[in-house]
Amino acid sequence: MRRFPLKRGSTRLLLEQVHAHRAVLLVILFLFILSSAFDGLSIGLLVPLLGSLQGLASGDLSPTFARWMPSALADAPVRWQAMVA
């Protein structure tokens, strides 16, 4: 059983509450969008930084570790190589 059963006027009550606090809701929505934009920007700046820390050349798409891994696993069983690949 629901703790707060829905009544016929509950939608109207909700809309009245939203209308009463419209400015606050718009500020919250704006801050959510701004936060998402900064998250995207930070990831966009983090990827080149990590690439430079791992010794990634400008035209190279794989970090040093990824180029080293196949030669290190050459003697490993095929099952392990398949799991890593």
N, C-alpha and C. Protein backbone atom coordinates (compact mmCIF):
# COMPACT_ATOMS: atom_id res chain seq x y z
N MET A 1 0.83 -1.18 0.00
CA MET A 1 0.00 0.00 0.00
C MET A 1 0.88 1.24 0.00
N ARG A 2 0.48 2.23 -0.74
CA ARG A 2 1.26 3.46 -0.81
C ARG A 2 1.12 4.25 0.49
N ARG A 3 2.17 4.90 0.81
CA ARG A 3 2.15 5.69 2.03
C ARG A 3 1.32 6.96 1.84
N PHE A 4 1.46 7.57 0.67
CA PHE A 4 0.70 8.76 0.33
C PHE A 4 -0.13 8.47 -0.92
N PRO A 5 -1.34 8.07 -0.77
CA PRO A 5 -2.14 7.73 -1.95
C PRO A 5 -2.39 8.96 -2.82
N LEU A 6 -2.38 8.74 -4.13
CA LEU A 6 -2.62 9.84 -5.06
C LEU A 6 -4.11 10.18 -5.07
N LYS A 7 -4.37 11.44 -5.06
CA LYS A 7 -5.76 11.89 -5.12
C LYS A 7 -5.96 12.65 -6.41
N ARG A 8 -7.17 12.96 -6.71
CA ARG A 8 -7.49 13.62 -7.96
C ARG A 8 -6.83 14.99 -8.08
N GLY A 9 -6.74 15.74 -7.03
CA GLY A 9 -6.18 17.09 -7.08
C GLY A 9 -4.68 17.13 -6.86
N SER A 10 -4.02 15.98 -6.78
CA SER A 10 -2.59 15.97 -6.47
C SER A 10 -1.76 16.57 -7.59
N THR A 11 -2.18 16.40 -8.85
CA THR A 11 -1.45 17.00 -9.96
C THR A 11 -1.54 18.51 -9.90
N ARG A 12 -2.70 19.00 -9.60
CA ARG A 12 -2.88 20.45 -9.48
C ARG A 12 -2.03 21.01 -8.34
N LEU A 13 -1.97 20.29 -7.23
CA LEU A 13 -1.16 20.72 -6.10
C LEU A 13 0.32 20.77 -6.48
N LEU A 14 0.76 19.76 -7.20
CA LEU A 14 2.16 19.73 -7.64
C LEU A 14 2.46 20.90 -8.57
N LEU A 15 1.59 21.17 -9.52
CA LEU A 15 1.80 22.29 -10.44
C LEU A 15 1.79 23.63 -9.71
N GLU A 16 0.97 23.76 -8.70
CA GLU A 16 0.96 24.99 -7.91
C GLU A 16 2.29 25.18 -7.18
N GLN A 17 2.82 24.09 -6.65
CA GLN A 17 4.10 24.18 -5.95
C GLN A 17 5.24 24.53 -6.91
N VAL A 18 5.21 23.94 -8.10
CA VAL A 18 6.23 24.23 -9.11
C VAL A 18 6.13 25.68 -9.53
N HIS A 19 4.91 26.16 -9.72
CA HIS A 19 4.71 27.55 -10.14
C HIS A 19 5.18 28.52 -9.06
N ALA A 20 4.96 28.16 -7.80
CA ALA A 20 5.35 29.04 -6.70
C ALA A 20 6.87 29.16 -6.58
N HIS A 21 7.59 28.12 -6.97
CA HIS A 21 9.05 28.12 -6.83
C HIS A 21 9.72 28.07 -8.20
N ARG A 22 9.14 28.73 -9.17
CA ARG A 22 9.64 28.68 -10.53
C ARG A 22 11.06 29.23 -10.64
N ALA A 23 11.35 30.33 -9.96
CA ALA A 23 12.69 30.94 -10.05
C ALA A 23 13.76 29.99 -9.50
N VAL A 24 13.46 29.34 -8.41
CA VAL A 24 14.41 28.40 -7.81
C VAL A 24 14.65 27.23 -8.75
N LEU A 25 13.60 26.72 -9.35
CA LEU A 25 13.74 25.59 -10.28
C LEU A 25 14.54 25.98 -11.52
N LEU A 26 14.35 27.21 -12.01
CA LEU A 26 15.13 27.66 -13.15
C LEU A 26 16.61 27.81 -12.81
N VAL A 27 16.90 28.28 -11.62
CA VAL A 27 18.30 28.39 -11.19
C VAL A 27 18.93 27.01 -11.07
N ILE A 28 18.20 26.07 -10.51
CA ILE A 28 18.71 24.70 -10.37
C ILE A 28 18.95 24.09 -11.75
N LEU A 29 18.03 24.27 -12.67
CA LEU A 29 18.19 23.75 -14.03
C LEU A 29 19.40 24.37 -14.71
N PHE A 30 19.58 25.68 -14.56
CA PHE A 30 20.74 26.36 -15.14
C PHE A 30 22.04 25.81 -14.55
N LEU A 31 22.06 25.59 -13.24
CA LEU A 31 23.27 25.06 -12.61
C LEU A 31 23.56 23.63 -13.05
N PHE A 32 22.54 22.81 -13.27
CA PHE A 32 22.74 21.47 -13.80
C PHE A 32 23.39 21.52 -15.19
N ILE A 33 22.89 22.40 -16.03
CA ILE A 33 23.44 22.53 -17.39
C ILE A 33 24.88 23.04 -17.33
N LEU A 34 25.13 24.02 -16.48
CA LEU A 34 26.48 24.56 -16.33
C LEU A 34 27.44 23.50 -15.80
N SER A 35 26.98 22.71 -14.86
CA SER A 35 27.81 21.63 -14.32
C SER A 35 28.15 20.60 -15.40
N SER A 36 27.18 20.26 -16.22
CA SER A 36 27.42 19.30 -17.31
C SER A 36 28.43 19.86 -18.31
N ALA A 37 28.34 21.14 -18.60
CA ALA A 37 29.28 21.75 -19.54
C ALA A 37 30.70 21.72 -18.97
N PHE A 38 30.85 22.01 -17.69
CA PHE A 38 32.18 21.98 -17.09
C PHE A 38 32.72 20.56 -16.98
N ASP A 39 31.85 19.58 -16.76
CA ASP A 39 32.29 18.18 -16.76
C ASP A 39 32.84 17.80 -18.12
N GLY A 40 32.13 18.16 -19.17
CA GLY A 40 32.61 17.86 -20.52
C GLY A 40 33.92 18.56 -20.82
N LEU A 41 34.05 19.79 -20.39
CA LEU A 41 35.29 20.54 -20.61
C LEU A 41 36.45 19.91 -19.85
N SER A 42 36.20 19.49 -18.62
CA SER A 42 37.29 18.91 -17.84
C SER A 42 37.76 17.59 -18.43
N ILE A 43 36.84 16.77 -18.92
CA ILE A 43 37.23 15.51 -19.55
C ILE A 43 37.99 15.81 -20.84
N GLY A 44 37.53 16.81 -21.59
CA GLY A 44 38.22 17.17 -22.83
C GLY A 44 39.63 17.66 -22.59
N LEU A 45 39.89 18.27 -21.45
CA LEU A 45 41.25 18.72 -21.12
C LEU A 45 42.06 17.63 -20.44
N LEU A 46 41.39 16.70 -19.79
CA LEU A 46 42.09 15.64 -19.08
C LEU A 46 42.70 14.61 -20.03
N VAL A 47 42.03 14.32 -21.12
CA VAL A 47 42.52 13.31 -22.06
C VAL A 47 43.87 13.71 -22.65
N PRO A 48 44.06 14.93 -23.17
CA PRO A 48 45.39 15.30 -23.68
C PRO A 48 46.46 15.33 -22.58
N LEU A 49 46.07 15.74 -21.37
CA LEU A 49 47.03 15.77 -20.27
C LEU A 49 47.52 14.36 -19.96
N LEU A 50 46.62 13.40 -19.86
CA LEU A 50 47.03 12.02 -19.59
C LEU A 50 47.84 11.45 -20.74
N GLY A 51 47.49 11.83 -21.96
CA GLY A 51 48.27 11.38 -23.12
C GLY A 51 49.70 11.88 -23.06
N SER A 52 49.89 13.13 -22.65
CA SER A 52 51.24 13.66 -22.57
C SER A 52 52.01 13.03 -21.41
N LEU A 53 51.32 12.70 -20.33
CA LEU A 53 51.99 12.05 -19.20
C LEU A 53 52.41 10.63 -19.53
N GLN A 54 51.69 9.96 -20.42
CA GLN A 54 52.02 8.59 -20.79
C GLN A 54 52.99 8.52 -21.97
N GLY A 55 53.45 9.65 -22.44
CA GLY A 55 54.40 9.65 -23.54
C GLY A 55 53.75 9.43 -24.88
N LEU A 56 52.57 9.93 -25.06
CA LEU A 56 51.84 9.78 -26.31
C LEU A 56 52.33 10.81 -27.31
N ALA A 57 52.81 10.33 -28.46
CA ALA A 57 53.25 11.26 -29.50
C ALA A 57 52.03 11.92 -30.14
N SER A 58 52.23 13.01 -30.84
CA SER A 58 51.10 13.78 -31.37
C SER A 58 50.27 12.97 -32.38
N GLY A 59 50.90 12.16 -33.22
CA GLY A 59 50.16 11.39 -34.20
C GLY A 59 49.85 9.97 -33.76
N ASP A 60 50.41 9.56 -32.65
CA ASP A 60 50.25 8.19 -32.17
C ASP A 60 48.97 8.07 -31.37
N LEU A 61 48.21 7.02 -31.60
CA LEU A 61 46.94 6.86 -30.91
C LEU A 61 47.01 5.92 -29.71
N SER A 62 48.12 5.20 -29.56
CA SER A 62 48.20 4.27 -28.44
C SER A 62 49.31 4.70 -27.49
N PRO A 63 49.05 4.67 -26.20
CA PRO A 63 50.08 5.02 -25.23
C PRO A 63 51.20 3.99 -25.21
N THR A 64 52.29 4.33 -24.59
CA THR A 64 53.46 3.47 -24.51
C THR A 64 53.12 2.11 -23.91
N PHE A 65 52.29 2.11 -22.89
CA PHE A 65 51.91 0.86 -22.24
C PHE A 65 51.20 -0.07 -23.22
N ALA A 66 50.31 0.48 -24.05
CA ALA A 66 49.57 -0.36 -25.00
C ALA A 66 50.48 -0.90 -26.09
N ARG A 67 51.53 -0.19 -26.44
CA ARG A 67 52.48 -0.71 -27.43
C ARG A 67 53.39 -1.76 -26.82
N TRP A 68 53.65 -1.68 -25.52
CA TRP A 68 54.53 -2.61 -24.83
C TRP A 68 53.81 -3.93 -24.53
N MET A 69 52.51 -3.89 -24.30
CA MET A 69 51.77 -5.05 -23.83
C MET A 69 51.85 -6.27 -24.77
N PRO A 70 51.68 -6.16 -26.09
CA PRO A 70 51.73 -7.38 -26.93
C PRO A 70 53.07 -8.10 -26.87
N SER A 71 54.16 -7.35 -26.81
CA SER A 71 55.47 -8.02 -26.72
C SER A 71 55.66 -8.68 -25.37
N ALA A 72 55.10 -8.10 -24.32
CA ALA A 72 55.23 -8.69 -22.99
C ALA A 72 54.39 -9.95 -22.86
N LEU A 73 53.29 -10.02 -23.57
CA LEU A 73 52.40 -11.18 -23.48
C LEU A 73 52.65 -12.22 -24.56
N ALA A 74 53.71 -12.07 -25.33
CA ALA A 74 53.96 -12.99 -26.43
C ALA A 74 54.17 -14.42 -25.94
N ASP A 75 54.76 -14.59 -24.77
CA ASP A 75 55.02 -15.93 -24.25
C ASP A 75 53.86 -16.45 -23.39
N ALA A 76 52.85 -15.64 -23.16
CA ALA A 76 51.72 -16.06 -22.32
C ALA A 76 50.81 -16.99 -23.11
N PRO A 77 50.05 -17.84 -22.41
CA PRO A 77 49.10 -18.70 -23.09
C PRO A 77 48.08 -17.88 -23.91
N VAL A 78 47.57 -18.50 -24.95
CA VAL A 78 46.63 -17.82 -25.84
C VAL A 78 45.38 -17.37 -25.08
N ARG A 79 44.96 -18.14 -24.09
CA ARG A 79 43.79 -17.80 -23.31
C ARG A 79 43.96 -16.46 -22.60
N TRP A 80 45.14 -16.22 -22.04
CA TRP A 80 45.41 -14.94 -21.37
C TRP A 80 45.46 -13.82 -22.37
N GLN A 81 46.07 -14.07 -23.52
CA GLN A 81 46.15 -13.03 -24.55
C GLN A 81 44.75 -12.63 -25.02
N ALA A 82 43.86 -13.60 -25.14
CA ALA A 82 42.49 -13.31 -25.56
C ALA A 82 41.76 -12.49 -24.51
N MET A 83 42.01 -12.75 -23.23
CA MET A 83 41.34 -11.99 -22.17
C MET A 83 41.80 -10.55 -22.16
N VAL A 84 43.07 -10.31 -22.44
CA VAL A 84 43.62 -8.95 -22.41
C VAL A 84 43.21 -8.19 -23.66
N ALA A 85 43.11 -8.87 -24.77
CA ALA A 85 42.78 -8.20 -26.03
C ALA A 85 41.37 -7.81 -26.04
